[in-house]
Structure formats: C-alpha cells, structure tokens
Amino acid sequence: MNQTFSRFSMLVGENGINKLKNSNIIVFGIGGVGSYTVESLARSGIGNITMVDFDEISESNINRQLHSLHSTIGKSKVEVMKERILDINPECNVRLIKELAYENIDGILNKYNMDYNFVIDCIDIIYCKINLIEYCYNNNLKIISSMGFGNKMHPEMIEISIIEDTAVCPMARTIRRILNKKNIKNLPVVYSREKALVPDKSTLFKEERLTEFRENNKLPNKITPGSNAFVPGTAGLVLSSYVIRNILEID
C-alpha cells in the first residue's frame, strides 16, 4: 500500500484523497508565497497542478522561496518546482507555463484544455493580478488571491477574508478600489492585518531597480520589499488549505 498520503487520509478519508487526486489546480506566481502553496498542494495529493511563472531563481530568493538554493540559481522556477513535486508525488500531472500573466490570461488558462477546480493567484504585480481576477470573475472560475506580505514579521496576523473586509494591507486597498470600480465583489483573499515595516534600503537598494540581481532577465520595475521565510511561507500554506478544504467541502 502506498503510504504517501496515509496520514492525510486519516483526516479526509480515502474518498477525500481520491477527490484531491482528480482535482486540477493552476497557480500563478511561484515565488515566496506560490512555492509554499504548490508544495502544500503536492503534499496533499492534488493530482493535477499547472504552474505559471516567467522568472528564474536568483540569489536573493534563497531566504524565502522553497525552490531557491545556491544549486538552483539561474534555473526556471517552474521547472525546479516541477522536480520537487514529482519527487513528492511521481503520479502528479505537472504542467508548466513559463510566461508573464498579463494580456494572455485566456491563452494561459486554456493552453492545456483543462477544467480547473481552482485558480490561485500568487502574483505580485498588481495589473497582472487585476487581469487574472477579472477574467476569472467573468468566466465563473473559482479564484483566491494573495495580497501583500513584504515588510512584515508576524505570520500570526494572516487571515482569510473577502476583499471588501480587508484592512491595513496597502495592496488589498488598491485591489479593492480597482475591483469596486469593475463591480467585482466577494473575492476571497489571504492578507495580513500587520502594518508594514519601513525597510532599510540604505545599502543594497538605495535606488529602486529591477527586483532581482540578474542580467538579461526583463523583470517589471517595482518597489523592492524586505521579506523573510515565515510570513510569505505561511500565506502560501493558508492559501493551499483554503483551496483543499473548498474542494473537500470542509468548513
């Protein structure tokens, strides 16, 4: 008997394990939040996982992203994560899309002709998040979105909520305002009530630049936050727990 998911089956039963095995999840953004989300899905027996991320691993990812090691610097995040997933569960069907999720949301979600049980948004670029959320809303796809977890130190302040009930988080405030104008309501999100710290950028980030220390990788310009292993990691686990419980119809 395969013992990989035997401990989890004690909680959800064999029927629950089979339900997860037959589920299809797509995760956008395989970074600090997304890498933990995907690994938790794999360790919970999700049988079909699609990952979307255009980026490669850099040295500055090592402190907070599961796939990031000195031995994986420069490698594709989704390709390294696929190796991890298959080492956890060789029977998992893993599909990769190495692309920035911006204008081609329809193409990405329909590339493999899959019916997804859930879309998980771990993107950290706001205009990409909005496009994904709006597409899912207009096409009746279930989605949960990660908000901002940079510059925070208290994982115990992470919550699940709908976007209208969020507070404190600057990213959630921006997303809430834009979605309100588009009349998009009741988006489930994972966010933190912790007030963000002001990061010390006096040495490495005296001037804003591309987020990672690599050449020949065209990353969008954005504000570089401070981060750690435990806040984005916890957010990723909370995201995966929400999706798994939703699939299993557990409160």
Foldseek 3Di string as FASTA:
>chain_A
DDPLCVVVCVVQNPVLLVLQLPAAEEEEDQALQNVLLVVLSLSNNRQEYEYEEQDAEAPVRVQGGPLHDPVRGPHDSLVSSVVVSCVSPVRHHYHYHNDQQAPCLVCVVPVPPDDHQEYEYPDPDLNSVLVNLVVCQVVVHHYEYEFDQFQDDDQVQKDKDFLVPDDQGPRSVVSVVVVVVVVDTRHIYIYGNDHGDDDDCPPPPPDFDAAHDDPPDDGDGDDHGHDGHPNSSSRNVVRNVVSSCVSSVHD
